Amino acid sequence: MKRILAISDIHGDIEKFEKLLKLVEYNKEQDQLLLLGDYVDRGRNSRAVLDKVIKLKAEGAIALMGNHDQMMIDAFQDDPINLKRWYYNGGIKTLQNYGYEIEKDDANYWYTTDEYPDPIQMNEEIRAHIEFLKELPYYYETDTHIFVHAGVHPETPIHSTEPYTLVWIREEFHKGYTGEKTIVFGHTPVKYLHESPDVYFGDNNIIGIDGGCAYGKRLNCLEVESRRVLFVE
């Protein structure tokens, strides 16, 4: 039986990601790797992380959509609010990683002013990565578990839940889920769930694994069946 390994919220930290895969001795022939989204933004190497995710998926890993991955896709649509939203959620670092020069690269500037950034044209590399992201599913379900970036709506079957909810929901899910299947999720750093850096095993059958890598903290890997946790600081 394959180990099921779940990792979430890498956020451009390729060094921690590669160290963690070595630490857990990931073997594509013997393990099922599940990546729960947010490969980009805030960290310095989103481009390299996506290259790695593309390679891992081609070898059998399952990669899901996160809210930051969705923001990256939406930033190149027509509505300028999408690009502005991405800018103040870490997208500036991602674009700089692809070689773009951003005239005003203070994220707080875009948060506190009424100005909108000029549209950005996709270069070929970012276009290829966005096309990859567009194909990612929003959840993965087994007989016993649901893997998803942010969580599920407590009162809505997952197959009819809006994708926005699956990558953005927080408190309503954390406090309201009562389903039989165990939900493994990222999105909300664990310190906000129980004021601890450890993986959150909730009393209501939910497991939060976002260790806050986006903010220089842990990147976790959950061995799902054993509930063993391995991490890099």
C-alpha atoms as a PDB file:
ATOM      1  CA  MET A   1       0.000   0.000   0.000  1.00  0.00           C
ATOM      2  CA  LYS A   2       1.361   3.392  -0.988  1.00  0.00           C
ATOM      3  CA  ARG A   3       2.068   6.058   1.585  1.00  0.00           C
ATOM      4  CA  ILE A   4      -0.076   9.134   1.034  1.00  0.00           C
ATOM      5  CA  LEU A   5       1.995  12.281   1.607  1.00  0.00           C
ATOM      6  CA  ALA A   6       0.371  15.726   1.768  1.00  0.00           C
ATOM      7  CA  ILE A   7       2.213  19.060   1.444  1.00  0.00           C
ATOM      8  CA  SER A   8       0.650  22.509   1.138  1.00  0.00           C
ATOM      9  CA  ASP A   9       1.516  26.202   0.798  1.00  0.00           C
ATOM     10  CA  ILE A  10       5.065  26.051  -0.569  1.00  0.00           C
ATOM     11  CA  HIS A  11       4.870  29.691  -1.678  1.00  0.00           C
ATOM     12  CA  GLY A  12       7.990  29.882  -3.801  1.00  0.00           C
ATOM     13  CA  ASP A  13      10.369  28.260  -1.289  1.00  0.00           C
ATOM     14  CA  ILE A  14      12.074  25.699  -3.507  1.00  0.00           C
ATOM     15  CA  GLU A  15      14.829  25.034  -0.970  1.00  0.00           C
ATOM     16  CA  LYS A  16      12.447  23.900   1.766  1.00  0.00           C
ATOM     17  CA  PHE A  17      10.364  21.946  -0.731  1.00  0.00           C
ATOM     18  CA  GLU A  18      13.314  19.939  -2.012  1.00  0.00           C
ATOM     19  CA  LYS A  19      14.691  19.405   1.502  1.00  0.00           C
ATOM     20  CA  LEU A  20      11.307  18.128   2.661  1.00  0.00           C
ATOM     21  CA  LEU A  21      10.997  15.661  -0.203  1.00  0.00           C
ATOM     22  CA  LYS A  22      14.417  14.282   0.725  1.00  0.00           C
ATOM     23  CA  LEU A  23      13.556  14.184   4.420  1.00  0.00           C
ATOM     24  CA  VAL A  24      10.430  12.093   3.830  1.00  0.00           C
ATOM     25  CA  GLU A  25      12.364   9.928   1.325  1.00  0.00           C
ATOM     26  CA  TYR A  26       9.716  10.474  -1.304  1.00  0.00           C
ATOM     27  CA  ASN A  27       9.642   7.653  -3.852  1.00  0.00           C
ATOM     28  CA  LYS A  28       7.321   8.133  -6.817  1.00  0.00           C
ATOM     29  CA  GLU A  29       6.975   4.351  -7.172  1.00  0.00           C
ATOM     30  CA  GLN A  30       5.951   3.760  -3.560  1.00  0.00           C
ATOM     31  CA  ASP A  31       4.259   6.988  -2.467  1.00  0.00           C
ATOM     32  CA  GLN A  32       1.263   9.042  -3.562  1.00  0.00           C
ATOM     33  CA  LEU A  33       2.210  12.686  -3.234  1.00  0.00           C
ATOM     34  CA  LEU A  34      -0.587  15.222  -2.821  1.00  0.00           C
ATOM     35  CA  LEU A  35       0.206  18.932  -3.209  1.00  0.00           C
ATOM     36  CA  LEU A  36      -2.567  21.137  -1.880  1.00  0.00           C
ATOM     37  CA  GLY A  37      -1.881  24.374  -3.709  1.00  0.00           C
ATOM     38  CA  ASP A  38      -0.268  27.788  -3.237  1.00  0.00           C
ATOM     39  CA  TYR A  39       2.937  27.088  -5.120  1.00  0.00           C
ATOM     40  CA  VAL A  40       3.554  30.779  -5.845  1.00  0.00           C
ATOM     41  CA  ASP A  41       3.851  34.229  -4.209  1.00  0.00           C
ATOM     42  CA  ARG A  42       5.704  35.714  -1.255  1.00  0.00           C
ATOM     43  CA  GLY A  43       8.746  33.441  -1.664  1.00  0.00           C
ATOM     44  CA  ARG A  44      11.636  34.103  -4.027  1.00  0.00           C
ATOM     45  CA  ASN A  45      11.448  31.085  -6.336  1.00  0.00           C
ATOM     46  CA  SER A  46       7.875  30.538  -7.492  1.00  0.00           C
ATOM     47  CA  ARG A  47       9.055  29.759 -11.011  1.00  0.00           C
ATOM     48  CA  ALA A  48      11.302  26.927  -9.784  1.00  0.00           C
ATOM     49  CA  VAL A  49       8.573  25.567  -7.529  1.00  0.00           C
ATOM     50  CA  LEU A  50       6.152  25.380 -10.453  1.00  0.00           C
ATOM     51  CA  ASP A  51       8.780  23.665 -12.602  1.00  0.00           C
ATOM     52  CA  LYS A  52       9.186  21.098  -9.814  1.00  0.00           C
ATOM     53  CA  VAL A  53       5.428  20.636  -9.402  1.00  0.00           C
ATOM     54  CA  ILE A  54       5.022  20.099 -13.155  1.00  0.00           C
ATOM     55  CA  LYS A  55       7.731  17.418 -13.069  1.00  0.00           C
ATOM     56  CA  LEU A  56       6.261  15.715  -9.997  1.00  0.00           C
ATOM     57  CA  LYS A  57       2.766  15.711 -11.498  1.00  0.00           C
ATOM     58  CA  ALA A  58       4.085  14.143 -14.675  1.00  0.00           C
ATOM     59  CA  GLU A  59       5.555  11.386 -12.503  1.00  0.00           C
ATOM     60  CA  GLY A  60       2.295  10.680 -10.691  1.00  0.00           C
ATOM     61  CA  ALA A  61       1.815  13.329  -7.999  1.00  0.00           C
ATOM     62  CA  ILE A  62      -1.592  14.965  -7.603  1.00  0.00           C
ATOM     63  CA  ALA A  63      -1.492  18.770  -7.572  1.00  0.00           C
ATOM     64  CA  LEU A  64      -4.465  20.885  -6.509  1.00  0.00           C
ATOM     65  CA  MET A  65      -5.382  24.539  -6.976  1.00  0.00           C
ATOM     66  CA  GLY A  66      -4.724  27.133  -4.267  1.00  0.00           C
ATOM     67  CA  ASN A  67      -6.045  30.657  -3.928  1.00  0.00           C
ATOM     68  CA  HIS A  68      -2.667  32.201  -4.845  1.00  0.00           C
ATOM     69  CA  ASP A  69      -2.458  30.008  -7.936  1.00  0.00           C
ATOM     70  CA  GLN A  70      -5.956  31.175  -8.870  1.00  0.00           C
ATOM     71  CA  MET A  71      -4.956  34.810  -8.296  1.00  0.00           C
ATOM     72  CA  MET A  72      -2.002  34.336 -10.647  1.00  0.00           C
ATOM     73  CA  ILE A  73      -4.348  33.037 -13.352  1.00  0.00           C
ATOM     74  CA  ASP A  74      -6.882  35.821 -12.787  1.00  0.00           C
ATOM     75  CA  ALA A  75      -4.234  38.573 -12.817  1.00  0.00           C
ATOM     76  CA  PHE A  76      -3.915  38.221 -16.573  1.00  0.00           C
ATOM     77  CA  GLN A  77      -7.648  38.541 -17.215  1.00  0.00           C
ATOM     78  CA  ASP A  78      -9.293  41.812 -18.271  1.00  0.00           C
ATOM     79  CA  ASP A  79     -10.357  43.212 -14.890  1.00  0.00           C
ATOM     80  CA  PRO A  80      -7.485  45.346 -13.481  1.00  0.00           C
ATOM     81  CA  ILE A  81      -8.631  44.687  -9.893  1.00  0.00           C
ATOM     82  CA  ASN A  82      -7.344  41.129 -10.289  1.00  0.00           C
ATOM     83  CA  LEU A  83      -3.789  42.264 -11.000  1.00  0.00           C
ATOM     84  CA  LYS A  84      -3.929  44.776  -8.157  1.00  0.00           C
ATOM     85  CA  ARG A  85      -5.191  42.096  -5.755  1.00  0.00           C
ATOM     86  CA  TRP A  86      -2.376  39.790  -6.808  1.00  0.00           C
ATOM     87  CA  TYR A  87       0.190  42.554  -6.320  1.00  0.00           C
ATOM     88  CA  TYR A  88      -0.708  43.081  -2.691  1.00  0.00           C
ATOM     89  CA  ASN A  89      -0.914  39.345  -2.009  1.00  0.00           C
ATOM     90  CA  GLY A  90       2.651  38.551  -3.015  1.00  0.00           C
ATOM     91  CA  GLY A  91       2.409  38.534  -6.803  1.00  0.00           C
ATOM     92  CA  ILE A  92       5.083  41.195  -7.234  1.00  0.00           C
ATOM     93  CA  LYS A  93       7.806  38.797  -6.074  1.00  0.00           C
ATOM     94  CA  THR A  94       6.468  36.151  -8.391  1.00  0.00           C
ATOM     95  CA  LEU A  95       6.572  38.437 -11.419  1.00  0.00           C
ATOM     96  CA  GLN A  96      10.086  39.596 -10.530  1.00  0.00           C
ATOM     97  CA  ASN A  97      11.097  35.942 -10.408  1.00  0.00           C
ATOM     98  CA  TYR A  98       9.979  35.655 -14.033  1.00  0.00           C
ATOM     99  CA  GLY A  99      12.101  38.656 -15.000  1.00  0.00           C
ATOM    100  CA  TYR A 100       9.477  41.392 -14.907  1.00  0.00           C
ATOM    101  CA  GLU A 101      10.441  44.841 -13.655  1.00  0.00           C
ATOM    102  CA  ILE A 102       7.703  46.356 -11.511  1.00  0.00           C
ATOM    103  CA  GLU A 103       7.861  50.148 -11.324  1.00  0.00           C
ATOM    104  CA  LYS A 104       6.197  50.358  -7.916  1.00  0.00           C
ATOM    105  CA  ASP A 105       7.093  47.181  -6.084  1.00  0.00           C
ATOM    106  CA  ASP A 106       5.783  48.145  -2.644  1.00  0.00           C
ATOM    107  CA  ALA A 107       2.832  45.825  -2.038  1.00  0.00           C
ATOM    108  CA  ASN A 108       1.381  48.206   0.542  1.00  0.00           C
ATOM    109  CA  TYR A 109       1.211  50.912  -2.136  1.00  0.00           C
ATOM    110  CA  TRP A 110      -1.272  48.864  -4.113  1.00  0.00           C
ATOM    111  CA  TYR A 111      -3.258  48.079  -0.991  1.00  0.00           C
ATOM    112  CA  THR A 112      -3.636  51.662   0.199  1.00  0.00           C
ATOM    113  CA  THR A 113      -4.102  53.643  -3.027  1.00  0.00           C
ATOM    114  CA  ASP A 114      -6.818  53.875  -5.666  1.00  0.00           C
ATOM    115  CA  GLU A 115      -4.359  53.462  -8.530  1.00  0.00           C
ATOM    116  CA  TYR A 116      -4.428  50.353 -10.705  1.00  0.00           C
ATOM    117  CA  PRO A 117      -1.324  48.774 -12.252  1.00  0.00           C
ATOM    118  CA  ASP A 118      -0.942  48.685 -16.004  1.00  0.00           C
ATOM    119  CA  PRO A 119      -1.804  45.344 -17.638  1.00  0.00           C
ATOM    120  CA  ILE A 120       1.069  42.896 -18.016  1.00  0.00           C
ATOM    121  CA  GLN A 121       1.702  40.781 -21.070  1.00  0.00           C
ATOM    122  CA  MET A 122       2.559  37.149 -20.465  1.00  0.00           C
ATOM    123  CA  ASN A 123       5.973  35.990 -21.553  1.00  0.00           C
ATOM    124  CA  GLU A 124       6.179  32.423 -22.835  1.00  0.00           C
ATOM    125  CA  GLU A 125       7.399  30.926 -19.580  1.00  0.00           C
ATOM    126  CA  ILE A 126       4.687  32.423 -17.413  1.00  0.00           C
ATOM    127  CA  ARG A 127       2.097  31.560 -20.063  1.00  0.00           C
ATOM    128  CA  ALA A 128       3.104  27.894 -19.914  1.00  0.00           C
ATOM    129  CA  HIS A 129       2.886  27.875 -16.130  1.00  0.00           C
ATOM    130  CA  ILE A 130      -0.524  29.535 -16.133  1.00  0.00           C
ATOM    131  CA  GLU A 131      -1.825  27.010 -18.648  1.00  0.00           C
ATOM    132  CA  PHE A 132      -0.618  24.275 -16.283  1.00  0.00           C
ATOM    133  CA  LEU A 133      -2.345  25.889 -13.301  1.00  0.00           C
ATOM    134  CA  LYS A 134      -5.622  26.236 -15.204  1.00  0.00           C
ATOM    135  CA  GLU A 135      -5.890  22.454 -15.460  1.00  0.00           C
ATOM    136  CA  LEU A 136      -5.516  21.742 -11.734  1.00  0.00           C
ATOM    137  CA  PRO A 137      -8.477  20.267  -9.834  1.00  0.00           C
ATOM    138  CA  TYR A 138      -9.807  21.889  -6.675  1.00  0.00           C
ATOM    139  CA  TYR A 139      -9.986  18.770  -4.513  1.00  0.00           C
ATOM    140  CA  TYR A 140      -9.099  15.087  -4.341  1.00  0.00           C
ATOM    141  CA  GLU A 141     -11.301  12.550  -2.584  1.00  0.00           C
ATOM    142  CA  THR A 142     -10.713   9.011  -1.303  1.00  0.00           C
ATOM    143  CA  ASP A 143     -12.979   6.649   0.627  1.00  0.00           C
ATOM    144  CA  THR A 144     -11.843   8.208   3.901  1.00  0.00           C
ATOM    145  CA  HIS A 145     -10.337  11.641   3.157  1.00  0.00           C
ATOM    146  CA  ILE A 146     -10.842  14.839   1.195  1.00  0.00           C
ATOM    147  CA  PHE A 147      -7.778  16.874   0.269  1.00  0.00           C
ATOM    148  CA  VAL A 148      -8.403  20.527  -0.552  1.00  0.00           C
ATOM    149  CA  HIS A 149      -6.558  23.820  -0.323  1.00  0.00           C
ATOM    150  CA  ALA A 150      -8.718  25.814   2.096  1.00  0.00           C
ATOM    151  CA  GLY A 151     -11.563  23.582   3.226  1.00  0.00           C
ATOM    152  CA  VAL A 152     -15.129  22.572   2.396  1.00  0.00           C
ATOM    153  CA  HIS A 153     -18.476  24.208   3.003  1.00  0.00           C
ATOM    154  CA  PRO A 154     -20.031  22.485   6.028  1.00  0.00           C
ATOM    155  CA  GLU A 155     -23.500  22.225   4.444  1.00  0.00           C
ATOM    156  CA  THR A 156     -22.740  21.799   0.731  1.00  0.00           C
ATOM    157  CA  PRO A 157     -21.628  18.597  -1.043  1.00  0.00           C
ATOM    158  CA  ILE A 158     -18.116  19.143  -2.319  1.00  0.00           C
ATOM    159  CA  HIS A 159     -18.969  18.268  -5.918  1.00  0.00           C
ATOM    160  CA  SER A 160     -21.430  21.184  -6.028  1.00  0.00           C
ATOM    161  CA  THR A 161     -19.349  23.687  -4.038  1.00  0.00           C
ATOM    162  CA  GLU A 162     -18.098  26.824  -5.791  1.00  0.00           C
ATOM    163  CA  PRO A 163     -14.335  26.623  -6.517  1.00  0.00           C
ATOM    164  CA  TYR A 164     -13.886  30.007  -4.811  1.00  0.00           C
ATOM    165  CA  THR A 165     -15.041  28.461  -1.543  1.00  0.00           C
ATOM    166  CA  LEU A 166     -12.636  25.530  -1.804  1.00  0.00           C
ATOM    167  CA  VAL A 167      -9.603  27.836  -2.043  1.00  0.00           C
ATOM    168  CA  TRP A 168     -10.696  30.681   0.283  1.00  0.00           C
ATOM    169  CA  ILE A 169     -12.981  29.407   3.077  1.00  0.00           C
ATOM    170  CA  ARG A 170     -11.744  29.663   6.669  1.00  0.00           C
ATOM    171  CA  GLU A 171     -13.702  30.027   9.934  1.00  0.00           C
ATOM    172  CA  GLU A 172     -17.005  28.670   8.645  1.00  0.00           C
ATOM    173  CA  PHE A 173     -15.236  25.439   7.735  1.00  0.00           C
ATOM    174  CA  HIS A 174     -12.888  25.295  10.742  1.00  0.00           C
ATOM    175  CA  LYS A 175     -15.733  25.613  13.244  1.00  0.00           C
ATOM    176  CA  GLY A 176     -18.618  24.086  11.327  1.00  0.00           C
ATOM    177  CA  TYR A 177     -17.429  20.893   9.623  1.00  0.00           C
ATOM    178  CA  THR A 178     -19.078  17.723  10.961  1.00  0.00           C
ATOM    179  CA  GLY A 179     -18.606  15.269   8.082  1.00  0.00           C
ATOM    180  CA  GLU A 180     -17.404  11.690   8.323  1.00  0.00           C
ATOM    181  CA  LYS A 181     -14.450  12.059   5.970  1.00  0.00           C
ATOM    182  CA  THR A 182     -11.243  13.597   7.278  1.00  0.00           C
ATOM    183  CA  ILE A 183     -10.415  16.901   5.585  1.00  0.00           C
ATOM    184  CA  VAL A 184      -6.722  17.632   5.008  1.00  0.00           C
ATOM    185  CA  PHE A 185      -6.190  21.290   4.121  1.00  0.00           C
ATOM    186  CA  GLY A 186      -3.712  24.167   4.007  1.00  0.00           C
ATOM    187  CA  HIS A 187      -4.389  27.886   3.430  1.00  0.00           C
ATOM    188  CA  THR A 188      -4.684  28.925   7.088  1.00  0.00           C
ATOM    189  CA  PRO A 189      -1.350  28.790   8.948  1.00  0.00           C
ATOM    190  CA  VAL A 190      -1.665  26.447  11.916  1.00  0.00           C
ATOM    191  CA  LYS A 191      -0.682  29.131  14.420  1.00  0.00           C
ATOM    192  CA  TYR A 192      -4.085  30.731  13.780  1.00  0.00           C
ATOM    193  CA  LEU A 193      -5.848  27.442  14.482  1.00  0.00           C
ATOM    194  CA  HIS A 194      -4.228  26.525  17.807  1.00  0.00           C
ATOM    195  CA  GLU A 195      -1.421  28.994  18.534  1.00  0.00           C
ATOM    196  CA  SER A 196       1.212  26.334  17.868  1.00  0.00           C
ATOM    197  CA  PRO A 197       3.639  25.628  15.009  1.00  0.00           C
ATOM    198  CA  ASP A 198       2.512  21.985  14.957  1.00  0.00           C
ATOM    199  CA  VAL A 199       0.105  20.469  12.462  1.00  0.00           C
ATOM    200  CA  TYR A 200      -3.477  21.013  13.625  1.00  0.00           C
ATOM    201  CA  PHE A 201      -5.499  17.873  14.315  1.00  0.00           C
ATOM    202  CA  GLY A 202      -8.967  19.256  14.975  1.00  0.00           C
ATOM    203  CA  ASP A 203     -11.564  17.527  17.128  1.00  0.00           C
ATOM    204  CA  ASN A 204     -14.023  17.790  14.230  1.00  0.00           C
ATOM    205  CA  ASN A 205     -12.045  15.561  11.852  1.00  0.00           C
ATOM    206  CA  ILE A 206     -10.010  18.258  10.116  1.00  0.00           C
ATOM    207  CA  ILE A 207      -6.215  18.428   9.733  1.00  0.00           C
ATOM    208  CA  GLY A 208      -4.511  21.746   8.943  1.00  0.00           C
ATOM    209  CA  ILE A 209      -0.995  21.419   7.563  1.00  0.00           C
ATOM    210  CA  ASP A 210       0.037  24.963   6.528  1.00  0.00           C
ATOM    211  CA  GLY A 211       3.105  25.591   8.688  1.00  0.00           C
ATOM    212  CA  GLY A 212       3.533  29.198   7.564  1.00  0.00           C
ATOM    213  CA  CYS A 213       6.273  28.625   5.001  1.00  0.00           C
ATOM    214  CA  ALA A 214       5.141  31.821   3.254  1.00  0.00           C
ATOM    215  CA  TYR A 215       6.296  33.755   6.318  1.00  0.00           C
ATOM    216  CA  GLY A 216       9.594  31.950   6.850  1.00  0.00           C
ATOM    217  CA  LYS A 217       8.173  29.219   9.089  1.00  0.00           C
ATOM    218  CA  ARG A 218       7.720  25.487   8.602  1.00  0.00           C
ATOM    219  CA  LEU A 219       6.914  23.448   5.538  1.00  0.00           C
ATOM    220  CA  ASN A 220       5.096  20.319   6.676  1.00  0.00           C
ATOM    221  CA  CYS A 221       4.519  16.900   5.190  1.00  0.00           C
ATOM    222  CA  LEU A 222       1.753  14.725   6.616  1.00  0.00           C
ATOM    223  CA  GLU A 223       1.931  10.944   6.262  1.00  0.00           C
ATOM    224  CA  VAL A 224      -1.801  10.585   6.082  1.00  0.00           C
ATOM    225  CA  GLU A 225      -2.444   7.054   7.326  1.00  0.00           C
ATOM    226  CA  SER A 226       0.031   7.149  10.225  1.00  0.00           C
ATOM    227  CA  ARG A 227      -0.551  10.853  10.960  1.00  0.00           C
ATOM    228  CA  ARG A 228       3.207  11.237  11.246  1.00  0.00           C
ATOM    229  CA  VAL A 229       4.460  14.732  10.493  1.00  0.00           C
ATOM    230  CA  LEU A 230       7.862  15.652   9.093  1.00  0.00           C
ATOM    231  CA  PHE A 231       8.904  19.249   8.477  1.00  0.00           C
ATOM    232  CA  VAL A 232      11.713  21.622   7.646  1.00  0.00           C
ATOM    233  CA  GLU A 233      12.075  24.953   9.406  1.00  0.00           C
END
